[in-house]
């Protein structure tokens, strides 16, 4: 799954492809499969991508804003894997 900021979701890596992602929310509301959303990512997911690289857009935004407050850490909820799984790193520096 391509990572995008602001979307909350649950992932179960043990499920089959197409069934791993669930509970997708944007601003506290379920993501509508029939809606169109604008997103930014660090790399294109298709051929022929055009436009300014996202890191340049973000750098310009941060230079203009100077101070960014109140950002919530955006991490998916991971289910279906044991705490001893060495492939799941804990953001606090240890293993889950």
PDB file of N, CA and C in Angstrom:
ATOM      1  N   UNK A   1       0.855  -1.181   0.000  1.00  0.00           N
ATOM      2  CA  UNK A   1       0.000   0.000   0.000  1.00  0.00           C
ATOM      3  C   UNK A   1       0.890   1.228   0.000  1.00  0.00           C
ATOM      4  N   UNK A   2       0.578   2.165  -0.845  1.00  0.00           N
ATOM      5  CA  UNK A   2       1.306   3.424  -0.874  1.00  0.00           C
ATOM      6  C   UNK A   2       0.927   4.209   0.379  1.00  0.00           C
ATOM      7  N   UNK A   3       1.928   4.730   1.075  1.00  0.00           N
ATOM      8  CA  UNK A   3       1.657   5.486   2.300  1.00  0.00           C
ATOM      9  C   UNK A   3       1.298   6.925   1.964  1.00  0.00           C
ATOM     10  N   UNK A   4       0.269   7.419   2.596  1.00  0.00           N
ATOM     11  CA  UNK A   4      -0.126   8.816   2.444  1.00  0.00           C
ATOM     12  C   UNK A   4      -0.457   9.355   3.822  1.00  0.00           C
ATOM     13  N   UNK A   5      -0.137  10.616   4.060  1.00  0.00           N
ATOM     14  CA  UNK A   5      -0.409  11.219   5.354  1.00  0.00           C
ATOM     15  C   UNK A   5      -1.882  11.485   5.550  1.00  0.00           C
ATOM     16  N   UNK A   6      -2.328  11.369   6.789  1.00  0.00           N
ATOM     17  CA  UNK A   6      -3.693  11.727   7.128  1.00  0.00           C
ATOM     18  C   UNK A   6      -4.689  10.594   7.042  1.00  0.00           C
ATOM     19  N   UNK A   7      -4.327   9.504   6.415  1.00  0.00           N
ATOM     20  CA  UNK A   7      -5.252   8.371   6.325  1.00  0.00           C
ATOM     21  C   UNK A   7      -4.920   7.386   7.434  1.00  0.00           C
ATOM     22  N   UNK A   8      -5.941   7.003   8.172  1.00  0.00           N
ATOM     23  CA  UNK A   8      -5.783   5.985   9.207  1.00  0.00           C
ATOM     24  C   UNK A   8      -6.323   4.678   8.645  1.00  0.00           C
ATOM     25  N   UNK A   9      -5.663   3.569   8.949  1.00  0.00           N
ATOM     26  CA  UNK A   9      -6.142   2.281   8.472  1.00  0.00           C
ATOM     27  C   UNK A   9      -5.586   1.166   9.338  1.00  0.00           C
ATOM     28  N   UNK A  10      -6.174  -0.004   9.180  1.00  0.00           N
ATOM     29  CA  UNK A  10      -5.705  -1.210   9.844  1.00  0.00           C
ATOM     30  C   UNK A  10      -5.120  -2.118   8.778  1.00  0.00           C
ATOM     31  N   UNK A  11      -3.977  -2.739   9.081  1.00  0.00           N
ATOM     32  CA  UNK A  11      -3.361  -3.685   8.151  1.00  0.00           C
ATOM     33  C   UNK A  11      -3.147  -5.005   8.849  1.00  0.00           C
ATOM     34  N   UNK A  12      -3.471  -6.081   8.136  1.00  0.00           N
ATOM     35  CA  UNK A  12      -3.221  -7.431   8.617  1.00  0.00           C
ATOM     36  C   UNK A  12      -2.341  -8.118   7.574  1.00  0.00           C
ATOM     37  N   UNK A  13      -1.010  -8.150   7.789  1.00  0.00           N
ATOM     38  CA  UNK A  13      -0.089  -8.726   6.804  1.00  0.00           C
ATOM     39  C   UNK A  13      -0.306 -10.211   6.530  1.00  0.00           C
ATOM     40  N   UNK A  14      -1.061 -10.909   7.387  1.00  0.00           N
ATOM     41  CA  UNK A  14      -1.278 -12.342   7.190  1.00  0.00           C
ATOM     42  C   UNK A  14      -2.421 -12.629   6.217  1.00  0.00           C
ATOM     43  N   UNK A  15      -3.179 -11.622   5.862  1.00  0.00           N
ATOM     44  CA  UNK A  15      -4.303 -11.806   4.923  1.00  0.00           C
ATOM     45  C   UNK A  15      -3.785 -11.846   3.488  1.00  0.00           C
ATOM     46  N   UNK A  16      -4.644 -12.281   2.559  1.00  0.00           N
ATOM     47  CA  UNK A  16      -4.300 -12.320   1.141  1.00  0.00           C
ATOM     48  C   UNK A  16      -4.271 -10.905   0.571  1.00  0.00           C
ATOM     49  N   UNK A  17      -3.517 -10.732  -0.513  1.00  0.00           N
ATOM     50  CA  UNK A  17      -3.483  -9.442  -1.205  1.00  0.00           C
ATOM     51  C   UNK A  17      -4.915  -9.047  -1.560  1.00  0.00           C
ATOM     52  N   UNK A  18      -5.231  -7.801  -1.326  1.00  0.00           N
ATOM     53  CA  UNK A  18      -6.579  -7.300  -1.571  1.00  0.00           C
ATOM     54  C   UNK A  18      -7.468  -7.347  -0.343  1.00  0.00           C
ATOM     55  N   UNK A  19      -7.005  -8.045   0.699  1.00  0.00           N
ATOM     56  CA  UNK A  19      -7.780  -8.161   1.938  1.00  0.00           C
ATOM     57  C   UNK A  19      -7.009  -7.658   3.157  1.00  0.00           C
ATOM     58  N   UNK A  20      -5.810  -7.129   2.951  1.00  0.00           N
ATOM     59  CA  UNK A  20      -4.956  -6.742   4.074  1.00  0.00           C
ATOM     60  C   UNK A  20      -5.321  -5.409   4.706  1.00  0.00           C
ATOM     61  N   UNK A  21      -5.864  -4.492   3.936  1.00  0.00           N
ATOM     62  CA  UNK A  21      -6.167  -3.150   4.430  1.00  0.00           C
ATOM     63  C   UNK A  21      -7.651  -3.053   4.752  1.00  0.00           C
ATOM     64  N   UNK A  22      -7.964  -2.497   5.927  1.00  0.00           N
ATOM     65  CA  UNK A  22      -9.363  -2.291   6.327  1.00  0.00           C
ATOM     66  C   UNK A  22      -9.461  -1.020   7.165  1.00  0.00           C
ATOM     67  N   UNK A  23     -10.672  -0.639   7.463  1.00  0.00           N
ATOM     68  CA  UNK A  23     -10.951   0.506   8.350  1.00  0.00           C
ATOM     69  C   UNK A  23     -10.242   1.789   7.907  1.00  0.00           C
ATOM     70  N   UNK A  24     -10.242   2.088   6.611  1.00  0.00           N
ATOM     71  CA  UNK A  24      -9.595   3.306   6.134  1.00  0.00           C
ATOM     72  C   UNK A  24     -10.448   4.520   6.497  1.00  0.00           C
ATOM     73  N   UNK A  25      -9.816   5.482   7.185  1.00  0.00           N
ATOM     74  CA  UNK A  25     -10.515   6.688   7.643  1.00  0.00           C
ATOM     75  C   UNK A  25      -9.726   7.924   7.226  1.00  0.00           C
ATOM     76  N   UNK A  26     -10.433   8.984   6.892  1.00  0.00           N
ATOM     77  CA  UNK A  26      -9.833  10.265   6.579  1.00  0.00           C
ATOM     78  C   UNK A  26     -10.598  11.332   7.346  1.00  0.00           C
ATOM     79  N   UNK A  27      -9.889  12.050   8.199  1.00  0.00           N
ATOM     80  CA  UNK A  27     -10.507  13.076   9.051  1.00  0.00           C
ATOM     81  C   UNK A  27     -11.675  12.512   9.849  1.00  0.00           C
ATOM     82  N   UNK A  28     -11.494  11.278  10.359  1.00  0.00           N
ATOM     83  CA  UNK A  28     -12.496  10.654  11.217  1.00  0.00           C
ATOM     84  C   UNK A  28     -13.685  10.052  10.495  1.00  0.00           C
ATOM     85  N   UNK A  29     -13.678  10.055   9.164  1.00  0.00           N
ATOM     86  CA  UNK A  29     -14.784   9.498   8.388  1.00  0.00           C
ATOM     87  C   UNK A  29     -14.269   8.382   7.490  1.00  0.00           C
ATOM     88  N   UNK A  30     -15.101   7.363   7.232  1.00  0.00           N
ATOM     89  CA  UNK A  30     -14.660   6.281   6.346  1.00  0.00           C
ATOM     90  C   UNK A  30     -14.307   6.806   4.951  1.00  0.00           C
ATOM     91  N   UNK A  31     -13.258   6.247   4.359  1.00  0.00           N
ATOM     92  CA  UNK A  31     -12.881   6.599   2.994  1.00  0.00           C
ATOM     93  C   UNK A  31     -13.945   6.030   2.058  1.00  0.00           C
ATOM     94  N   UNK A  32     -14.418   6.849   1.136  1.00  0.00           N
ATOM     95  CA  UNK A  32     -15.450   6.466   0.180  1.00  0.00           C
ATOM     96  C   UNK A  32     -14.774   5.922  -1.076  1.00  0.00           C
ATOM     97  N   UNK A  33     -15.000   4.651  -1.385  1.00  0.00           N
ATOM     98  CA  UNK A  33     -14.372   4.016  -2.550  1.00  0.00           C
ATOM     99  C   UNK A  33     -14.779   4.684  -3.860  1.00  0.00           C
ATOM    100  N   UNK A  34     -15.887   5.419  -3.871  1.00  0.00           N
ATOM    101  CA  UNK A  34     -16.359   6.068  -5.093  1.00  0.00           C
ATOM    102  C   UNK A  34     -15.929   7.527  -5.187  1.00  0.00           C
ATOM    103  N   UNK A  35     -15.256   8.037  -4.178  1.00  0.00           N
ATOM    104  CA  UNK A  35     -14.826   9.444  -4.166  1.00  0.00           C
ATOM    105  C   UNK A  35     -13.430   9.574  -4.773  1.00  0.00           C
ATOM    106  N   UNK A  36     -13.089  10.808  -5.147  1.00  0.00           N
ATOM    107  CA  UNK A  36     -11.761  11.111  -5.669  1.00  0.00           C
ATOM    108  C   UNK A  36     -11.041  11.943  -4.620  1.00  0.00           C
ATOM    109  N   UNK A  37      -9.806  11.559  -4.270  1.00  0.00           N
ATOM    110  CA  UNK A  37      -9.016  12.255  -3.267  1.00  0.00           C
ATOM    111  C   UNK A  37      -7.689  12.675  -3.884  1.00  0.00           C
ATOM    112  N   UNK A  38      -7.166  13.813  -3.454  1.00  0.00           N
ATOM    113  CA  UNK A  38      -5.837  14.237  -3.861  1.00  0.00           C
ATOM    114  C   UNK A  38      -4.864  13.806  -2.774  1.00  0.00           C
ATOM    115  N   UNK A  39      -3.748  13.221  -3.187  1.00  0.00           N
ATOM    116  CA  UNK A  39      -2.733  12.785  -2.241  1.00  0.00           C
ATOM    117  C   UNK A  39      -1.358  13.181  -2.752  1.00  0.00           C
ATOM    118  N   UNK A  40      -0.403  13.184  -1.852  1.00  0.00           N
ATOM    119  CA  UNK A  40       0.992  13.416  -2.216  1.00  0.00           C
ATOM    120  C   UNK A  40       1.799  12.255  -1.663  1.00  0.00           C
ATOM    121  N   UNK A  41       2.789  11.849  -2.393  1.00  0.00           N
ATOM    122  CA  UNK A  41       3.642  10.750  -1.953  1.00  0.00           C
ATOM    123  C   UNK A  41       5.083  11.055  -2.306  1.00  0.00           C
ATOM    124  N   UNK A  42       5.977  10.258  -1.806  1.00  0.00           N
ATOM    125  CA  UNK A  42       7.397  10.505  -2.047  1.00  0.00           C
ATOM    126  C   UNK A  42       7.865   9.932  -3.374  1.00  0.00           C
ATOM    127  N   UNK A  43       7.058   9.068  -4.006  1.00  0.00           N
ATOM    128  CA  UNK A  43       7.438   8.484  -5.285  1.00  0.00           C
ATOM    129  C   UNK A  43       6.177   8.193  -6.090  1.00  0.00           C
ATOM    130  N   UNK A  44       6.252   8.343  -7.409  1.00  0.00           N
ATOM    131  CA  UNK A  44       5.082   8.028  -8.233  1.00  0.00           C
ATOM    132  C   UNK A  44       4.796   6.525  -8.231  1.00  0.00           C
ATOM    133  N   UNK A  45       3.531   6.172  -8.401  1.00  0.00           N
ATOM    134  CA  UNK A  45       3.151   4.766  -8.449  1.00  0.00           C
ATOM    135  C   UNK A  45       2.839   4.326  -9.875  1.00  0.00           C
ATOM    136  N   UNK A  46       2.933   5.236 -10.821  1.00  0.00           N
ATOM    137  CA  UNK A  46       2.685   4.915 -12.224  1.00  0.00           C
ATOM    138  C   UNK A  46       3.733   5.546 -13.104  1.00  0.00           C
ATOM    139  N   UNK A  47       3.767   5.116 -14.348  1.00  0.00           N
ATOM    140  CA  UNK A  47       4.722   5.661 -15.294  1.00  0.00           C
ATOM    141  C   UNK A  47       4.276   7.034 -15.770  1.00  0.00           C
ATOM    142  N   UNK A  48       5.246   7.848 -16.178  1.00  0.00           N
ATOM    143  CA  UNK A  48       4.938   9.136 -16.783  1.00  0.00           C
ATOM    144  C   UNK A  48       4.491  10.209 -15.807  1.00  0.00           C
ATOM    145  N   UNK A  49       4.855  10.086 -14.548  1.00  0.00           N
ATOM    146  CA  UNK A  49       4.464  11.087 -13.558  1.00  0.00           C
ATOM    147  C   UNK A  49       5.066  12.439 -13.918  1.00  0.00           C
ATOM    148  N   UNK A  50       4.280  13.481 -13.762  1.00  0.00           N
ATOM    149  CA  UNK A  50       4.732  14.830 -14.073  1.00  0.00           C
ATOM    150  C   UNK A  50       4.563  15.718 -12.855  1.00  0.00           C
ATOM    151  N   UNK A  51       5.197  16.883 -12.903  1.00  0.00           N
ATOM    152  CA  UNK A  51       5.032  17.855 -11.836  1.00  0.00           C
ATOM    153  C   UNK A  51       6.253  17.951 -10.950  1.00  0.00           C
ATOM    154  N   UNK A  52       6.181  18.910 -10.055  1.00  0.00           N
ATOM    155  CA  UNK A  52       7.277  19.166  -9.122  1.00  0.00           C
ATOM    156  C   UNK A  52       7.370  18.031  -8.110  1.00  0.00           C
ATOM    157  N   UNK A  53       8.587  17.565  -7.789  1.00  0.00           N
ATOM    158  CA  UNK A  53       8.723  16.508  -6.776  1.00  0.00           C
ATOM    159  C   UNK A  53       8.106  16.949  -5.445  1.00  0.00           C
ATOM    160  N   UNK A  54       7.443  16.014  -4.772  1.00  0.00           N
ATOM    161  CA  UNK A  54       6.711  16.344  -3.551  1.00  0.00           C
ATOM    162  C   UNK A  54       7.631  16.924  -2.480  1.00  0.00           C
ATOM    163  N   UNK A  55       8.891  16.474  -2.414  1.00  0.00           N
ATOM    164  CA  UNK A  55       9.791  16.997  -1.374  1.00  0.00           C
ATOM    165  C   UNK A  55      10.081  18.482  -1.613  1.00  0.00           C
ATOM    166  N   UNK A  56      10.065  18.932  -2.866  1.00  0.00           N
ATOM    167  CA  UNK A  56      10.233  20.361  -3.140  1.00  0.00           C
ATOM    168  C   UNK A  56       8.996  21.150  -2.727  1.00  0.00           C
ATOM    169  N   UNK A  57       7.828  20.572  -2.961  1.00  0.00           N
ATOM    170  CA  UNK A  57       6.569  21.215  -2.559  1.00  0.00           C
ATOM    171  C   UNK A  57       6.523  21.344  -1.034  1.00  0.00           C
ATOM    172  N   UNK A  58       6.874  20.269  -0.330  1.00  0.00           N
ATOM    173  CA  UNK A  58       6.859  20.283   1.139  1.00  0.00           C
ATOM    174  C   UNK A  58       7.899  21.256   1.672  1.00  0.00           C
ATOM    175  N   UNK A  59       9.090  21.271   1.096  1.00  0.00           N
ATOM    176  CA  UNK A  59      10.140  22.193   1.554  1.00  0.00           C
ATOM    177  C   UNK A  59       9.680  23.646   1.410  1.00  0.00           C
ATOM    178  N   UNK A  60       9.062  23.979   0.288  1.00  0.00           N
ATOM    179  CA  UNK A  60       8.563  25.346   0.084  1.00  0.00           C
ATOM    180  C   UNK A  60       7.477  25.677   1.106  1.00  0.00           C
ATOM    181  N   UNK A  61       6.592  24.728   1.382  1.00  0.00           N
ATOM    182  CA  UNK A  61       5.528  24.930   2.363  1.00  0.00           C
ATOM    183  C   UNK A  61       6.119  25.190   3.757  1.00  0.00           C
ATOM    184  N   UNK A  62       7.088  24.368   4.143  1.00  0.00           N
ATOM    185  CA  UNK A  62       7.697  24.521   5.466  1.00  0.00           C
ATOM    186  C   UNK A  62       8.475  25.830   5.577  1.00  0.00           C
ATOM    187  N   UNK A  63       9.159  26.239   4.524  1.00  0.00           N
ATOM    188  CA  UNK A  63       9.868  27.523   4.542  1.00  0.00           C
ATOM    189  C   UNK A  63       8.898  28.675   4.748  1.00  0.00           C
ATOM    190  N   UNK A  64       7.724  28.579   4.129  1.00  0.00           N
ATOM    191  CA  UNK A  64       6.716  29.623   4.232  1.00  0.00           C
ATOM    192  C   UNK A  64       6.067  29.656   5.615  1.00  0.00           C
ATOM    193  N   UNK A  65       5.790  28.494   6.195  1.00  0.00           N
ATOM    194  CA  UNK A  65       5.084  28.399   7.475  1.00  0.00           C
ATOM    195  C   UNK A  65       5.978  28.668   8.684  1.00  0.00           C
ATOM    196  N   UNK A  66       7.230  28.333   8.611  1.00  0.00           N
ATOM    197  CA  UNK A  66       8.207  28.511   9.698  1.00  0.00           C
ATOM    198  C   UNK A  66       7.976  27.569  10.882  1.00  0.00           C
ATOM    199  N   UNK A  67       6.744  27.497  11.409  1.00  0.00           N
ATOM    200  CA  UNK A  67       6.451  26.661  12.570  1.00  0.00           C
ATOM    201  C   UNK A  67       5.216  25.810  12.261  1.00  0.00           C
ATOM    202  N   UNK A  68       5.329  24.517  12.513  1.00  0.00           N
ATOM    203  CA  UNK A  68       4.208  23.598  12.330  1.00  0.00           C
ATOM    204  C   UNK A  68       3.887  23.020  13.703  1.00  0.00           C
ATOM    205  N   UNK A  69       2.648  23.182  14.156  1.00  0.00           N
ATOM    206  CA  UNK A  69       2.257  22.707  15.487  1.00  0.00           C
ATOM    207  C   UNK A  69       1.178  21.625  15.394  1.00  0.00           C
ATOM    208  N   UNK A  70       1.117  20.812  16.415  1.00  0.00           N
ATOM    209  CA  UNK A  70       0.014  19.886  16.614  1.00  0.00           C
ATOM    210  C   UNK A  70      -0.101  18.761  15.610  1.00  0.00           C
ATOM    211  N   UNK A  71       1.007  18.239  15.131  1.00  0.00           N
ATOM    212  CA  UNK A  71       0.929  17.117  14.209  1.00  0.00           C
ATOM    213  C   UNK A  71       0.750  15.812  14.966  1.00  0.00           C
ATOM    214  N   UNK A  72      -0.193  15.011  14.514  1.00  0.00           N
ATOM    215  CA  UNK A  72      -0.438  13.703  15.102  1.00  0.00           C
ATOM    216  C   UNK A  72       0.392  12.669  14.345  1.00  0.00           C
ATOM    217  N   UNK A  73       1.100  11.803  15.069  1.00  0.00           N
ATOM    218  CA  UNK A  73       1.858  10.725  14.451  1.00  0.00           C
ATOM    219  C   UNK A  73       0.877   9.799  13.748  1.00  0.00           C
ATOM    220  N   UNK A  74       1.099   9.567  12.469  1.00  0.00           N
ATOM    221  CA  UNK A  74       0.176   8.781  11.654  1.00  0.00           C
ATOM    222  C   UNK A  74       0.762   7.395  11.399  1.00  0.00           C
ATOM    223  N   UNK A  75       0.325   6.411  12.166  1.00  0.00           N
ATOM    224  CA  UNK A  75       0.789   5.043  12.016  1.00  0.00           C
ATOM    225  C   UNK A  75      -0.409   4.123  11.822  1.00  0.00           C
ATOM    226  N   UNK A  76      -0.270   3.124  10.961  1.00  0.00           N
ATOM    227  CA  UNK A  76      -1.377   2.180  10.805  1.00  0.00           C
ATOM    228  C   UNK A  76      -1.494   1.283  12.034  1.00  0.00           C
ATOM    229  N   UNK A  77      -2.704   0.764  12.253  1.00  0.00           N
ATOM    230  CA  UNK A  77      -2.903  -0.243  13.293  1.00  0.00           C
ATOM    231  C   UNK A  77      -2.551  -1.582  12.656  1.00  0.00           C
ATOM    232  N   UNK A  78      -1.626  -2.322  13.262  1.00  0.00           N
ATOM    233  CA  UNK A  78      -1.168  -3.603  12.714  1.00  0.00           C
ATOM    234  C   UNK A  78      -1.790  -4.724  13.535  1.00  0.00           C
ATOM    235  N   UNK A  79      -2.463  -5.645  12.861  1.00  0.00           N
ATOM    236  CA  UNK A  79      -3.085  -6.789  13.530  1.00  0.00           C
ATOM    237  C   UNK A  79      -2.649  -8.077  12.843  1.00  0.00           C
ATOM    238  N   UNK A  80      -2.825  -9.191  13.516  1.00  0.00           N
ATOM    239  CA  UNK A  80      -2.568 -10.494  12.917  1.00  0.00           C
ATOM    240  C   UNK A  80      -1.136 -10.982  13.009  1.00  0.00           C
ATOM    241  N   UNK A  81      -0.269 -10.248  13.679  1.00  0.00           N
ATOM    242  CA  UNK A  81       1.117 -10.693  13.843  1.00  0.00           C
ATOM    243  C   UNK A  81       1.452 -10.692  15.324  1.00  0.00           C
ATOM    244  N   UNK A  82       2.290 -11.628  15.707  1.00  0.00           N
ATOM    245  CA  UNK A  82       2.663 -11.744  17.109  1.00  0.00           C
ATOM    246  C   UNK A  82       3.661 -10.687  17.538  1.00  0.00           C
ATOM    247  N   UNK A  83       3.724 -10.431  18.822  1.00  0.00           N
ATOM    248  CA  UNK A  83       4.654  -9.438  19.361  1.00  0.00           C
ATOM    249  C   UNK A  83       6.104  -9.837  19.160  1.00  0.00           C
ATOM    250  N   UNK A  84       6.369 -11.127  18.958  1.00  0.00           N
ATOM    251  CA  UNK A  84       7.746 -11.569  18.778  1.00  0.00           C
ATOM    252  C   UNK A  84       8.188 -11.536  17.316  1.00  0.00           C
ATOM    253  N   UNK A  85       7.356 -11.042  16.406  1.00  0.00           N
ATOM    254  CA  UNK A  85       7.701 -10.989  14.984  1.00  0.00           C
ATOM    255  C   UNK A  85       8.824  -9.981  14.769  1.00  0.00           C
ATOM    256  N   UNK A  86      10.019 -10.436  14.350  1.00  0.00           N
ATOM    257  CA  UNK A  86      11.158  -9.510  14.195  1.00  0.00           C
ATOM    258  C   UNK A  86      10.991  -8.531  13.034  1.00  0.00           C
ATOM    259  N   UNK A  87       9.992  -8.764  12.172  1.00  0.00           N
ATOM    260  CA  UNK A  87       9.756  -7.861  11.050  1.00  0.00           C
ATOM    261  C   UNK A  87       8.921  -6.651  11.420  1.00  0.00           C
ATOM    262  N   UNK A  88       8.407  -6.610  12.628  1.00  0.00           N
ATOM    263  CA  UNK A  88       7.578  -5.495  13.090  1.00  0.00           C
ATOM    264  C   UNK A  88       8.371  -4.715  14.140  1.00  0.00           C
ATOM    265  N   UNK A  89       8.936  -3.595  13.752  1.00  0.00           N
ATOM    266  CA  UNK A  89       9.722  -2.784  14.683  1.00  0.00           C
ATOM    267  C   UNK A  89       8.813  -1.842  15.456  1.00  0.00           C
ATOM    268  N   UNK A  90       9.044  -1.725  16.714  1.00  0.00           N
ATOM    269  CA  UNK A  90       8.307  -0.806  17.576  1.00  0.00           C
ATOM    270  C   UNK A  90       8.885   0.583  17.404  1.00  0.00           C
ATOM    271  N   UNK A  91       8.051   1.591  17.203  1.00  0.00           N
ATOM    272  CA  UNK A  91       8.535   2.968  16.995  1.00  0.00           C
ATOM    273  C   UNK A  91       9.290   3.507  18.204  1.00  0.00           C
ATOM    274  N   UNK A  92       9.182   2.856  19.354  1.00  0.00           N
ATOM    275  CA  UNK A  92       9.914   3.313  20.539  1.00  0.00           C
ATOM    276  C   UNK A  92      11.330   2.762  20.552  1.00  0.00           C
ATOM    277  N   UNK A  93      11.681   1.971  19.535  1.00  0.00           N
ATOM    278  CA  UNK A  93      13.056   1.506  19.433  1.00  0.00           C
ATOM    279  C   UNK A  93      13.253   0.029  19.700  1.00  0.00           C
ATOM    280  N   UNK A  94      12.271  -0.660  20.239  1.00  0.00           N
ATOM    281  CA  UNK A  94      12.402  -2.079  20.497  1.00  0.00           C
ATOM    282  C   UNK A  94      11.569  -2.867  19.509  1.00  0.00           C
ATOM    283  N   UNK A  95      11.303  -4.108  19.837  1.00  0.00           N
ATOM    284  CA  UNK A  95      10.431  -4.927  18.998  1.00  0.00           C
ATOM    285  C   UNK A  95       9.071  -4.996  19.628  1.00  0.00           C
ATOM    286  N   UNK A  96       8.034  -5.076  18.790  1.00  0.00           N
ATOM    287  CA  UNK A  96       6.662  -5.172  19.278  1.00  0.00           C
ATOM    288  C   UNK A  96       6.453  -6.496  19.982  1.00  0.00           C
TER     289      UNK A  96
END
